[in-house]
C-alpha atoms as a PDB file:
ATOM      1  CA  MET A   1     -21.308  78.009  20.388  1.00  0.00           C
ATOM      2  CA  GLU A   2     -21.134  76.572  16.735  1.00  0.00           C
ATOM      3  CA  ILE A   3     -18.383  74.052  17.615  1.00  0.00           C
ATOM      4  CA  PRO A   4     -20.012  71.334  19.232  1.00  0.00           C
ATOM      5  CA  SER A   5     -23.144  71.191  16.408  1.00  0.00           C
ATOM      6  CA  PHE A   6     -19.753  71.184  13.757  1.00  0.00           C
ATOM      7  CA  ALA A   7     -18.377  68.165  16.140  1.00  0.00           C
ATOM      8  CA  TRP A   8     -21.474  66.326  16.809  1.00  0.00           C
ATOM      9  CA  ASN A   9     -21.419  63.959  13.659  1.00  0.00           C
ATOM     10  CA  SER A  10     -17.562  62.925  14.464  1.00  0.00           C
ATOM     11  CA  LEU A  11     -18.195  62.210  18.458  1.00  0.00           C
ATOM     12  CA  ALA A  12     -22.047  60.582  17.303  1.00  0.00           C
ATOM     13  CA  SER A  13     -19.795  58.116  15.483  1.00  0.00           C
ATOM     14  CA  LEU A  14     -17.631  56.886  18.481  1.00  0.00           C
ATOM     15  CA  GLY A  15     -21.421  56.318  20.106  1.00  0.00           C
ATOM     16  CA  TRP A  16     -22.002  59.053  22.192  1.00  0.00           C
ATOM     17  CA  ARG A  17     -25.245  59.123  22.024  1.00  0.00           C
ATOM     18  CA  THR A  18     -26.128  63.171  23.654  1.00  0.00           C
ATOM     19  CA  LEU A  19     -24.451  66.335  24.033  1.00  0.00           C
ATOM     20  CA  THR A  20     -25.514  69.317  25.939  1.00  0.00           C
ATOM     21  CA  TRP A  21     -24.138  72.825  26.928  1.00  0.00           C
ATOM     22  CA  GLU A  22     -24.975  75.223  29.302  1.00  0.00           C
ATOM     23  CA  GLY A  23     -23.835  78.392  30.510  1.00  0.00           C
ATOM     24  CA  GLU A  24     -23.175  82.553  30.702  1.00  0.00           C
ATOM     25  CA  TRP A  25     -21.560  84.690  28.108  1.00  0.00           C
ATOM     26  CA  PHE A  26     -20.989  88.059  29.972  1.00  0.00           C
ATOM     27  CA  GLY A  27     -24.048  87.831  30.835  1.00  0.00           C
ATOM     28  CA  HIS A  28     -26.645  85.813  28.329  1.00  0.00           C
ATOM     29  CA  THR A  29     -27.451  82.388  29.360  1.00  0.00           C
ATOM     30  CA  VAL A  30     -26.631  79.857  26.959  1.00  0.00           C
ATOM     31  CA  ARG A  31     -27.484  76.323  26.476  1.00  0.00           C
ATOM     32  CA  GLY A  32     -28.022  73.497  23.625  1.00  0.00           C
ATOM     33  CA  SER A  33     -27.893  70.000  23.239  1.00  0.00           C
ATOM     34  CA  GLU A  34     -27.193  67.552  20.068  1.00  0.00           C
ATOM     35  CA  GLY A  35     -27.907  63.692  19.557  1.00  0.00           C
ATOM     36  CA  LEU A  36     -30.531  62.128  21.764  1.00  0.00           C
ATOM     37  CA  PRO A  37     -33.575  64.971  23.042  1.00  0.00           C
ATOM     38  CA  HIS A  38     -34.859  64.373  26.747  1.00  0.00           C
ATOM     39  CA  LEU A  39     -31.655  61.896  27.689  1.00  0.00           C
ATOM     40  CA  SER A  40     -30.389  62.370  31.109  1.00  0.00           C
ATOM     41  CA  GLU A  41     -27.964  60.413  33.288  1.00  0.00           C
ATOM     42  CA  SER A  42     -30.958  58.473  34.852  1.00  0.00           C
ATOM     43  CA  THR A  43     -32.091  57.109  31.710  1.00  0.00           C
ATOM     44  CA  ASN A  44     -28.464  57.109  30.169  1.00  0.00           C
ATOM     45  CA  THR A  45     -26.584  53.386  31.057  1.00  0.00           C
ATOM     46  CA  GLY A  46     -23.448  54.815  29.974  1.00  0.00           C
ATOM     47  CA  GLY A  47     -23.671  57.536  32.586  1.00  0.00           C
ATOM     48  CA  ALA A  48     -22.336  61.100  31.514  1.00  0.00           C
ATOM     49  CA  LEU A  49     -18.799  62.611  31.205  1.00  0.00           C
ATOM     50  CA  GLU A  50     -18.438  66.455  32.310  1.00  0.00           C
ATOM     51  CA  PHE A  51     -16.753  69.186  31.834  1.00  0.00           C
ATOM     52  CA  ASP A  52     -16.203  72.895  33.519  1.00  0.00           C
ATOM     53  CA  ILE A  53     -15.340  75.010  31.361  1.00  0.00           C
ATOM     54  CA  LEU A  54     -13.940  78.460  32.886  1.00  0.00           C
ATOM     55  CA  CYS A  55     -12.729  81.280  30.600  1.00  0.00           C
ATOM     56  CA  SER A  56     -13.660  84.713  32.691  1.00  0.00           C
ATOM     57  CA  ASP A  57     -16.210  85.123  35.514  1.00  0.00           C
ATOM     58  CA  GLU A  58     -18.148  86.277  32.526  1.00  0.00           C
ATOM     59  CA  VAL A  59     -17.686  83.618  30.245  1.00  0.00           C
ATOM     60  CA  HIS A  60     -18.193  79.715  31.638  1.00  0.00           C
ATOM     61  CA  PHE A  61     -19.798  76.511  30.392  1.00  0.00           C
ATOM     62  CA  LYS A  62     -20.360  73.484  31.629  1.00  0.00           C
ATOM     63  CA  VAL A  63     -21.039  70.474  28.900  1.00  0.00           C
ATOM     64  CA  LYS A  64     -22.023  67.305  29.420  1.00  0.00           C
ATOM     65  CA  LEU A  65     -21.903  63.788  27.385  1.00  0.00           C
ATOM     66  CA  PHE A  66     -23.735  60.733  27.955  1.00  0.00           C
ATOM     67  CA  HIS A  67     -22.651  57.221  25.619  1.00  0.00           C
ATOM     68  CA  HIS A  68     -24.237  53.992  25.508  1.00  0.00           C
ATOM     69  CA  ALA A  69     -21.274  52.021  27.253  1.00  0.00           C
ATOM     70  CA  LEU A  70     -19.961  52.191  30.806  1.00  0.00           C
ATOM     71  CA  ARG A  71     -16.569  51.121  29.948  1.00  0.00           C
ATOM     72  CA  GLY A  72     -14.478  48.915  27.524  1.00  0.00           C
ATOM     73  CA  GLU A  73     -12.639  50.150  24.091  1.00  0.00           C
ATOM     74  CA  SER A  74     -15.008  51.776  22.330  1.00  0.00           C
ATOM     75  CA  ARG A  75     -15.703  53.828  25.321  1.00  0.00           C
ATOM     76  CA  LEU A  76     -12.229  54.686  26.144  1.00  0.00           C
ATOM     77  CA  PHE A  77     -11.353  55.796  22.101  1.00  0.00           C
ATOM     78  CA  ALA A  78     -14.807  57.842  22.725  1.00  0.00           C
ATOM     79  CA  GLU A  79     -13.744  59.808  25.831  1.00  0.00           C
ATOM     80  CA  GLN A  80     -10.373  60.347  24.525  1.00  0.00           C
ATOM     81  CA  LEU A  81     -11.847  61.910  21.254  1.00  0.00           C
ATOM     82  CA  ALA A  82     -14.319  63.890  23.864  1.00  0.00           C
ATOM     83  CA  ARG A  83     -11.639  65.409  25.553  1.00  0.00           C
ATOM     84  CA  VAL A  84      -9.843  66.436  22.481  1.00  0.00           C
ATOM     85  CA  PHE A  85     -13.250  68.487  21.688  1.00  0.00           C
ATOM     86  CA  VAL A  86     -13.339  70.268  25.088  1.00  0.00           C
ATOM     87  CA  VAL A  87      -9.693  71.246  24.289  1.00  0.00           C
ATOM     88  CA  LEU A  88     -10.977  72.544  21.126  1.00  0.00           C
ATOM     89  CA  LEU A  89     -14.179  74.198  22.308  1.00  0.00           C
ATOM     90  CA  GLU A  90     -12.037  75.551  25.450  1.00  0.00           C
ATOM     91  CA  SER A  91      -9.428  76.825  22.823  1.00  0.00           C
ATOM     92  CA  ARG A  92     -11.718  79.173  20.764  1.00  0.00           C
ATOM     93  CA  MET A  93     -13.706  80.263  23.656  1.00  0.00           C
ATOM     94  CA  ARG A  94     -10.243  81.588  25.446  1.00  0.00           C
ATOM     95  CA  ALA A  95      -9.618  83.290  22.014  1.00  0.00           C
ATOM     96  CA  ARG A  96     -13.282  85.229  21.629  1.00  0.00           C
ATOM     97  CA  THR A  97     -12.826  86.469  25.081  1.00  0.00           C
ATOM     98  CA  GLU A  98      -9.029  87.705  24.806  1.00  0.00           C
ATOM     99  CA  ALA A  99      -9.866  89.129  21.374  1.00  0.00           C
ATOM    100  CA  LEU A 100     -13.284  91.006  24.139  1.00  0.00           C
ATOM    101  CA  SER A 101     -10.868  91.741  26.005  1.00  0.00           C
ATOM    102  CA  VAL A 102      -8.269  93.088  23.656  1.00  0.00           C
ATOM    103  CA  ALA A 103     -11.158  95.199  22.380  1.00  0.00           C
ATOM    104  CA  LEU A 104     -12.211  96.705  25.849  1.00  0.00           C
ATOM    105  CA  ALA A 105      -8.687  97.392  26.941  1.00  0.00           C
ATOM    106  CA  ARG A 106      -7.840  99.685  24.051  1.00  0.00           C
ATOM    107  CA  ARG A 107     -11.355 101.034  24.068  1.00  0.00           C
ATOM    108  CA  ALA A 108     -10.502 101.961  27.998  1.00  0.00           C
ATOM    109  CA  SER A 109      -7.056 103.110  27.342  1.00  0.00           C
ATOM    110  CA  MET A 110      -8.536 105.388  24.433  1.00  0.00           C
ATOM    111  CA  SER A 111     -11.032 106.949  27.309  1.00  0.00           C
ATOM    112  CA  LEU A 112      -7.987 107.745  29.661  1.00  0.00           C
ATOM    113  CA  TYR A 113      -6.711 110.142  26.390  1.00  0.00           C
ATOM    114  CA  LEU A 114     -10.146 111.277  25.222  1.00  0.00           C
ATOM    115  CA  GLN A 115     -10.560 112.360  28.974  1.00  0.00           C
ATOM    116  CA  HIS A 116      -7.391 114.093  29.001  1.00  0.00           C
ATOM    117  CA  ASP A 117      -7.499 115.860  25.975  1.00  0.00           C
ATOM    118  CA  THR A 118     -10.832 117.062  27.112  1.00  0.00           C
ATOM    119  CA  ARG A 119      -9.000 118.775  30.195  1.00  0.00           C
ATOM    120  CA  ASN A 120      -6.449 119.956  28.014  1.00  0.00           C
ATOM    121  CA  LEU A 121      -9.476 121.667  25.657  1.00  0.00           C
ATOM    122  CA  ALA A 122     -10.715 122.824  28.349  1.00  0.00           C
ATOM    123  CA  GLN A 123      -8.023 124.324  30.100  1.00  0.00           C
ATOM    124  CA  TRP A 124      -7.274 126.160  27.216  1.00  0.00           C
ATOM    125  CA  VAL A 125     -10.596 127.881  27.136  1.00  0.00           C
ATOM    126  CA  ASN A 126     -10.285 128.565  30.684  1.00  0.00           C
ATOM    127  CA  TRP A 127      -6.793 130.516  29.950  1.00  0.00           C
ATOM    128  CA  VAL A 128      -8.209 132.356  26.472  1.00  0.00           C
ATOM    129  CA  CYS A 129     -10.924 133.344  29.042  1.00  0.00           C
ATOM    130  CA  ALA A 130      -8.719 134.489  31.914  1.00  0.00           C
ATOM    131  CA  ASP A 131      -6.996 136.760  29.813  1.00  0.00           C
ATOM    132  CA  PHE A 132      -9.684 138.838  28.227  1.00  0.00           C
ATOM    133  CA  GLU A 133     -10.895 138.774  32.037  1.00  0.00           C
ATOM    134  CA  LEU A 134      -8.025 140.276  32.702  1.00  0.00           C
ATOM    135  CA  CYS A 135      -7.490 143.129  30.315  1.00  0.00           C
ATOM    136  CA  THR A 136      -7.569 146.436  31.392  1.00  0.00           C
ATOM    137  CA  SER A 137      -7.421 148.607  28.075  1.00  0.00           C
ATOM    138  CA  ASP A 138      -8.311 148.261  24.441  1.00  0.00           C
ATOM    139  CA  ASP A 139      -4.724 147.399  23.697  1.00  0.00           C
ATOM    140  CA  GLU A 140      -4.346 144.611  26.101  1.00  0.00           C
ATOM    141  CA  LEU A 141      -7.765 143.236  24.049  1.00  0.00           C
ATOM    142  CA  LEU A 142      -6.274 143.670  20.722  1.00  0.00           C
ATOM    143  CA  ILE A 143      -2.995 141.894  22.007  1.00  0.00           C
ATOM    144  CA  PHE A 144      -5.183 139.055  23.549  1.00  0.00           C
ATOM    145  CA  ALA A 145      -7.404 139.118  20.397  1.00  0.00           C
ATOM    146  CA  LYS A 146      -4.535 138.685  18.176  1.00  0.00           C
ATOM    147  CA  ARG A 147      -3.374 135.634  19.817  1.00  0.00           C
ATOM    148  CA  LEU A 148      -6.454 133.649  20.058  1.00  0.00           C
ATOM    149  CA  LYS A 149      -6.875 134.330  16.112  1.00  0.00           C
ATOM    150  CA  GLU A 150      -3.283 132.905  16.267  1.00  0.00           C
ATOM    151  CA  ASN A 151      -4.547 129.757  18.175  1.00  0.00           C
ATOM    152  CA  ALA A 152      -8.003 129.242  17.136  1.00  0.00           C
ATOM    153  CA  PRO A 153      -6.875 127.155  14.124  1.00  0.00           C
ATOM    154  CA  LEU A 154      -5.052 124.500  15.497  1.00  0.00           C
ATOM    155  CA  ALA A 155      -7.611 124.804  18.544  1.00  0.00           C
ATOM    156  CA  ARG A 156      -9.935 123.790  15.940  1.00  0.00           C
ATOM    157  CA  GLU A 157      -7.768 121.168  14.882  1.00  0.00           C
ATOM    158  CA  ARG A 158      -7.435 119.557  18.247  1.00  0.00           C
ATOM    159  CA  ALA A 159     -11.286 119.982  19.014  1.00  0.00           C
ATOM    160  CA  THR A 160     -12.296 117.843  15.504  1.00  0.00           C
ATOM    161  CA  ARG A 161      -9.428 115.767  16.609  1.00  0.00           C
ATOM    162  CA  LEU A 162     -11.553 115.121  19.984  1.00  0.00           C
ATOM    163  CA  ALA A 163     -14.386 114.760  18.326  1.00  0.00           C
ATOM    164  CA  THR A 164     -13.576 112.229  15.540  1.00  0.00           C
ATOM    165  CA  SER A 165     -11.469 110.165  18.182  1.00  0.00           C
ATOM    166  CA  LEU A 166     -15.289 110.139  20.397  1.00  0.00           C
ATOM    167  CA  ALA A 167     -16.244 108.326  16.915  1.00  0.00           C
ATOM    168  CA  GLN A 168     -16.825 104.488  16.811  1.00  0.00           C
ATOM    169  CA  SER A 169     -14.305 103.905  14.220  1.00  0.00           C
ATOM    170  CA  PRO A 170     -11.136 106.861  15.040  1.00  0.00           C
ATOM    171  CA  VAL A 171      -9.100 107.340  12.326  1.00  0.00           C
ATOM    172  CA  GLU A 172      -5.236 107.044  13.110  1.00  0.00           C
ATOM    173  CA  ASP A 173      -3.182 108.952  10.970  1.00  0.00           C
ATOM    174  CA  SER A 174       0.244 107.277   9.753  1.00  0.00           C
ATOM    175  CA  PRO A 175       3.681 108.866  10.371  1.00  0.00           C
ATOM    176  CA  ARG A 176       5.542 111.049   8.278  1.00  0.00           C
ATOM    177  CA  GLN A 177       8.257 113.872   8.853  1.00  0.00           C
ATOM    178  CA  ILE A 178       7.392 116.654  11.020  1.00  0.00           C
ATOM    179  CA  ASP A 179       9.049 119.832  11.456  1.00  0.00           C
ATOM    180  CA  LEU A 180       9.244 120.275  15.685  1.00  0.00           C
ATOM    181  CA  HIS A 181      10.275 123.754  15.950  1.00  0.00           C
ATOM    182  CA  LYS A 182       6.586 124.745  14.515  1.00  0.00           C
ATOM    183  CA  ALA A 183       4.655 121.668  16.254  1.00  0.00           C
ATOM    184  CA  VAL A 184       6.327 122.562  19.284  1.00  0.00           C
ATOM    185  CA  THR A 185       5.513 126.398  18.772  1.00  0.00           C
ATOM    186  CA  GLN A 186       2.344 125.397  18.254  1.00  0.00           C
ATOM    187  CA  ALA A 187       1.336 123.527  20.827  1.00  0.00           C
ATOM    188  CA  ALA A 188       2.775 125.898  23.457  1.00  0.00           C
ATOM    189  CA  LEU A 189       1.415 128.384  22.350  1.00  0.00           C
ATOM    190  CA  LEU A 190      -2.004 126.283  22.823  1.00  0.00           C
ATOM    191  CA  SER A 191      -0.827 126.059  26.267  1.00  0.00           C
ATOM    192  CA  GLY A 192      -0.324 130.223  26.669  1.00  0.00           C
ATOM    193  CA  VAL A 193       3.005 130.652  26.864  1.00  0.00           C
ATOM    194  CA  GLU A 194       4.954 132.006  24.377  1.00  0.00           C
ATOM    195  CA  PRO A 195       8.996 130.114  23.965  1.00  0.00           C
ATOM    196  CA  LEU A 196      12.207 130.556  22.930  1.00  0.00           C
ATOM    197  CA  ILE A 197      12.882 127.867  21.025  1.00  0.00           C
ATOM    198  CA  THR A 198      16.332 127.358  19.767  1.00  0.00           C
ATOM    199  CA  GLY A 199      17.888 124.887  17.137  1.00  0.00           C
ATOM    200  CA  ASN A 200      15.664 123.368  14.415  1.00  0.00           C
ATOM    201  CA  ALA A 201      14.869 119.378  14.223  1.00  0.00           C
ATOM    202  CA  GLN A 202      13.055 116.694  12.168  1.00  0.00           C
ATOM    203  CA  ALA A 203      10.767 113.950  13.664  1.00  0.00           C
ATOM    204  CA  TRP A 204       9.095 110.981  12.211  1.00  0.00           C
ATOM    205  CA  VAL A 205       6.419 110.912  13.559  1.00  0.00           C
ATOM    206  CA  SER A 206       2.247 110.574  13.065  1.00  0.00           C
ATOM    207  CA  ASP A 207       0.364 114.068  13.604  1.00  0.00           C
ATOM    208  CA  THR A 208      -1.916 112.226  16.515  1.00  0.00           C
ATOM    209  CA  LEU A 209       0.792 110.897  18.658  1.00  0.00           C
ATOM    210  CA  LEU A 210       2.994 113.871  18.700  1.00  0.00           C
ATOM    211  CA  SER A 211       0.072 116.744  19.664  1.00  0.00           C
ATOM    212  CA  ARG A 212      -0.992 114.297  22.614  1.00  0.00           C
ATOM    213  CA  ALA A 213       2.395 113.881  24.000  1.00  0.00           C
ATOM    214  CA  LEU A 214       3.303 118.093  23.573  1.00  0.00           C
ATOM    215  CA  ASP A 215      -0.624 118.783  24.768  1.00  0.00           C
ATOM    216  CA  ASN A 216       0.087 116.502  27.611  1.00  0.00           C
ATOM    217  CA  LEU A 217       3.469 117.389  28.555  1.00  0.00           C
ATOM    218  CA  PHE A 218       2.699 121.187  28.358  1.00  0.00           C
ATOM    219  CA  SER A 219      -0.692 121.200  29.707  1.00  0.00           C
ATOM    220  CA  ASN A 220       0.931 119.861  33.010  1.00  0.00           C
ATOM    221  CA  LEU A 221       4.047 122.612  33.188  1.00  0.00           C
ATOM    222  CA  ALA A 222       1.975 125.276  31.687  1.00  0.00           C
ATOM    223  CA  PRO A 223       0.610 126.732  34.900  1.00  0.00           C
ATOM    224  CA  ASN A 224       4.323 127.098  36.372  1.00  0.00           C
ATOM    225  CA  TRP A 225       5.464 128.707  33.209  1.00  0.00           C
ATOM    226  CA  ARG A 226       2.393 131.431  32.575  1.00  0.00           C
ATOM    227  CA  SER A 227       3.298 132.540  36.493  1.00  0.00           C
ATOM    228  CA  SER A 228       6.907 132.903  35.774  1.00  0.00           C
ATOM    229  CA  VAL A 229       6.365 135.845  33.300  1.00  0.00           C
ATOM    230  CA  SER A 230      10.007 137.260  33.699  1.00  0.00           C
ATOM    231  CA  ASN A 231      11.638 133.983  32.861  1.00  0.00           C
ATOM    232  CA  PRO A 232      10.541 133.057  29.325  1.00  0.00           C
ATOM    233  CA  THR A 233      10.171 129.446  28.860  1.00  0.00           C
ATOM    234  CA  ARG A 234      13.260 128.279  26.830  1.00  0.00           C
ATOM    235  CA  LEU A 235      13.383 124.835  24.713  1.00  0.00           C
ATOM    236  CA  GLN A 236      16.210 124.066  22.450  1.00  0.00           C
ATOM    237  CA  LEU A 237      15.755 121.447  19.854  1.00  0.00           C
ATOM    238  CA  ARG A 238      18.912 119.524  17.982  1.00  0.00           C
ATOM    239  CA  THR A 239      19.555 115.952  16.496  1.00  0.00           C
ATOM    240  CA  VAL A 240      21.783 113.567  18.344  1.00  0.00           C
ATOM    241  CA  GLU A 241      22.957 109.726  18.376  1.00  0.00           C
ATOM    242  CA  ASN A 242      21.772 107.231  20.665  1.00  0.00           C
ATOM    243  CA  ASP A 243      23.739 104.161  21.739  1.00  0.00           C
ATOM    244  CA  GLN A 244      22.685 102.247  18.753  1.00  0.00           C
ATOM    245  CA  ALA A 245      23.911 104.934  16.329  1.00  0.00           C
ATOM    246  CA  ARG A 246      20.254 105.896  15.264  1.00  0.00           C
ATOM    247  CA  PRO A 247      19.721 109.341  14.774  1.00  0.00           C
ATOM    248  CA  MET A 248      17.132 110.975  16.712  1.00  0.00           C
ATOM    249  CA  ALA A 249      15.594 114.453  17.046  1.00  0.00           C
ATOM    250  CA  GLU A 250      15.594 115.929  20.675  1.00  0.00           C
ATOM    251  CA  LEU A 251      13.456 118.620  22.650  1.00  0.00           C
ATOM    252  CA  GLN A 252      15.193 119.384  25.675  1.00  0.00           C
ATOM    253  CA  PHE A 253      14.216 122.197  28.604  1.00  0.00           C
ATOM    254  CA  TYR A 254      14.307 122.641  32.044  1.00  0.00           C
ATOM    255  CA  ASN A 255      11.059 123.685  34.537  1.00  0.00           C
ATOM    256  CA  PRO A 256      11.683 124.729  37.657  1.00  0.00           C
ATOM    257  CA  TRP A 257      10.186 123.500  40.624  1.00  0.00           C
ATOM    258  CA  PRO A 258       6.430 125.170  41.322  1.00  0.00           C
ATOM    259  CA  ASP A 259       6.870 124.525  44.885  1.00  0.00           C
ATOM    260  CA  LEU A 260       9.890 123.117  46.813  1.00  0.00           C
ATOM    261  CA  SER A 261       7.700 121.150  49.647  1.00  0.00           C
ATOM    262  CA  GLY A 262       5.287 119.526  47.544  1.00  0.00           C
ATOM    263  CA  HIS A 263       6.890 117.831  44.426  1.00  0.00           C
ATOM    264  CA  LEU A 264       6.567 114.302  43.088  1.00  0.00           C
ATOM    265  CA  PRO A 265       8.970 111.822  43.961  1.00  0.00           C
ATOM    266  CA  MET A 266      10.997 110.449  40.549  1.00  0.00           C
ATOM    267  CA  GLU A 267       9.974 107.236  40.884  1.00  0.00           C
ATOM    268  CA  LYS A 268       6.316 108.916  40.290  1.00  0.00           C
ATOM    269  CA  LEU A 269       6.589 111.226  38.052  1.00  0.00           C
ATOM    270  CA  PHE A 270       5.659 108.995  34.905  1.00  0.00           C
ATOM    271  CA  GLU A 271       3.427 106.850  37.268  1.00  0.00           C
ATOM    272  CA  PRO A 272      -0.440 107.086  36.075  1.00  0.00           C
ATOM    273  CA  PHE A 273      -2.800 108.611  39.017  1.00  0.00           C
ATOM    274  CA  ALA A 274       0.374 110.146  40.901  1.00  0.00           C
ATOM    275  CA  SER A 275      -0.429 114.298  40.571  1.00  0.00           C
ATOM    276  CA  GLY A 276       1.695 116.668  42.081  1.00  0.00           C
ATOM    277  CA  ARG A 277      -1.123 119.332  41.983  1.00  0.00           C
ATOM    278  CA  PRO A 278      -4.537 118.941  43.578  1.00  0.00           C
ATOM    279  CA  GLY A 279      -7.451 118.158  41.469  1.00  0.00           C
ATOM    280  CA  GLY A 280      -4.494 116.742  38.870  1.00  0.00           C
ATOM    281  CA  LEU A 281      -5.843 113.563  37.132  1.00  0.00           C
ATOM    282  CA  GLY A 282      -2.123 112.075  37.138  1.00  0.00           C
ATOM    283  CA  LEU A 283      -2.273 111.429  33.895  1.00  0.00           C
ATOM    284  CA  GLY A 284      -0.601 114.319  31.754  1.00  0.00           C
ATOM    285  CA  LEU A 285       3.511 112.904  32.382  1.00  0.00           C
ATOM    286  CA  TYR A 286       2.316 109.363  32.046  1.00  0.00           C
ATOM    287  CA  GLN A 287       0.709 109.698  28.325  1.00  0.00           C
ATOM    288  CA  ALA A 288       3.087 111.964  27.045  1.00  0.00           C
ATOM    289  CA  ARG A 289       5.460 109.386  27.825  1.00  0.00           C
ATOM    290  CA  LYS A 290       3.472 106.409  26.137  1.00  0.00           C
ATOM    291  CA  CYS A 291       2.485 108.108  23.455  1.00  0.00           C
ATOM    292  CA  LEU A 292       5.895 109.054  22.365  1.00  0.00           C
ATOM    293  CA  ARG A 293       7.271 105.490  23.625  1.00  0.00           C
ATOM    294  CA  GLU A 294       4.169 104.298  21.151  1.00  0.00           C
ATOM    295  CA  ALA A 295       6.123 106.465  18.281  1.00  0.00           C
ATOM    296  CA  GLY A 296       9.456 104.577  18.764  1.00  0.00           C
ATOM    297  CA  GLY A 297      10.503 107.590  21.021  1.00  0.00           C
ATOM    298  CA  GLU A 298      11.344 108.170  24.691  1.00  0.00           C
ATOM    299  CA  LEU A 299      10.557 111.287  26.990  1.00  0.00           C
ATOM    300  CA  SER A 300      12.820 111.066  30.747  1.00  0.00           C
ATOM    301  CA  ALA A 301      13.648 113.385  33.448  1.00  0.00           C
ATOM    302  CA  THR A 302      16.429 114.412  35.290  1.00  0.00           C
ATOM    303  CA  ALA A 303      16.120 116.397  38.759  1.00  0.00           C
ATOM    304  CA  SER A 304      17.911 118.811  40.621  1.00  0.00           C
ATOM    305  CA  ASN A 305      17.653 120.811  44.176  1.00  0.00           C
ATOM    306  CA  LEU A 306      15.417 123.101  41.990  1.00  0.00           C
ATOM    307  CA  GLY A 307      13.669 121.356  39.291  1.00  0.00           C
ATOM    308  CA  LEU A 308      13.370 119.277  36.644  1.00  0.00           C
ATOM    309  CA  THR A 309      15.288 118.604  32.756  1.00  0.00           C
ATOM    310  CA  PHE A 310      13.173 117.100  30.611  1.00  0.00           C
ATOM    311  CA  SER A 311      14.194 114.894  27.646  1.00  0.00           C
ATOM    312  CA  LEU A 312      11.585 114.000  24.835  1.00  0.00           C
ATOM    313  CA  ARG A 313      13.336 112.071  21.524  1.00  0.00           C
ATOM    314  CA  LEU A 314      11.606 111.034  18.846  1.00  0.00           C
ATOM    315  CA  PRO A 315      13.003 108.952  15.395  1.00  0.00           C
ATOM    316  CA  ILE A 316      13.731 111.470  12.529  1.00  0.00           C
ATOM    317  CA  SER A 317      13.138 109.088   9.941  1.00  0.00           C
ATOM    318  CA  GLU A 318      11.177 106.205   9.259  1.00  0.00           C
ATOM    319  CA  VAL A 319      13.411 102.574  10.328  1.00  0.00           C
END
């Protein structure tokens, strides 16, 4: 509350004798005064001019000013200055509370990402454990061990990213040119799926946004893919022109409905906290789409009676 002290000399020059303020700042009582001490309405012939400043339910103040005159030209000019002072004070307080609100909203958004990142990594651990538990021979054990060795660097990268994001100041990487064929293959393998990918494409995107989008997308679809061993997952990469004639990289694939009687309505597919699976968080597809849009791309889906066709698009170069 430095503004009242800075403004006091100007207010006092027009006859204001005392300025007091009292209120709440995020649970902490804040009060102060300038001018003649212990001046109250009963001892002040000019009475008080009062203002209530309400920035949020966490930030609110009552400001009082006492003048030496009840009326007259000097009182009129003094009141105009006082009102300007209160407007400036309120603007400053709102700016500070809005900045805090933005920071809190960003932290809340990051918490949602971290929650799902943690779930994805835990899901990968469960799949690895399930694969090893199902081993019935040394040959099978060797196959799964080799697969674990292939996935270990990527899993370690995801775990490192998660630990870094939990720090006070997570580092965000900058966009760069990325080979989508390699990135999609790695993300699919981490979700326990060995895909058949046709085509190639490059994308201009940050590692964090792309890996988070693919992890969330594939983790939602992997249970269905893993149960369809006889039908390998097929994904197609290509470069396309959009309506603005800007080249985009596109990843397209089909996913059959896992349960024809219980799938989500299309309008809820990307809605946060809407899940078609028991115990699902309902955040995977929402966060995948959010990451891609933040990267300048898009995630969409079209439905048929048998399943969904997903289309993932990203810019192939810096704008």
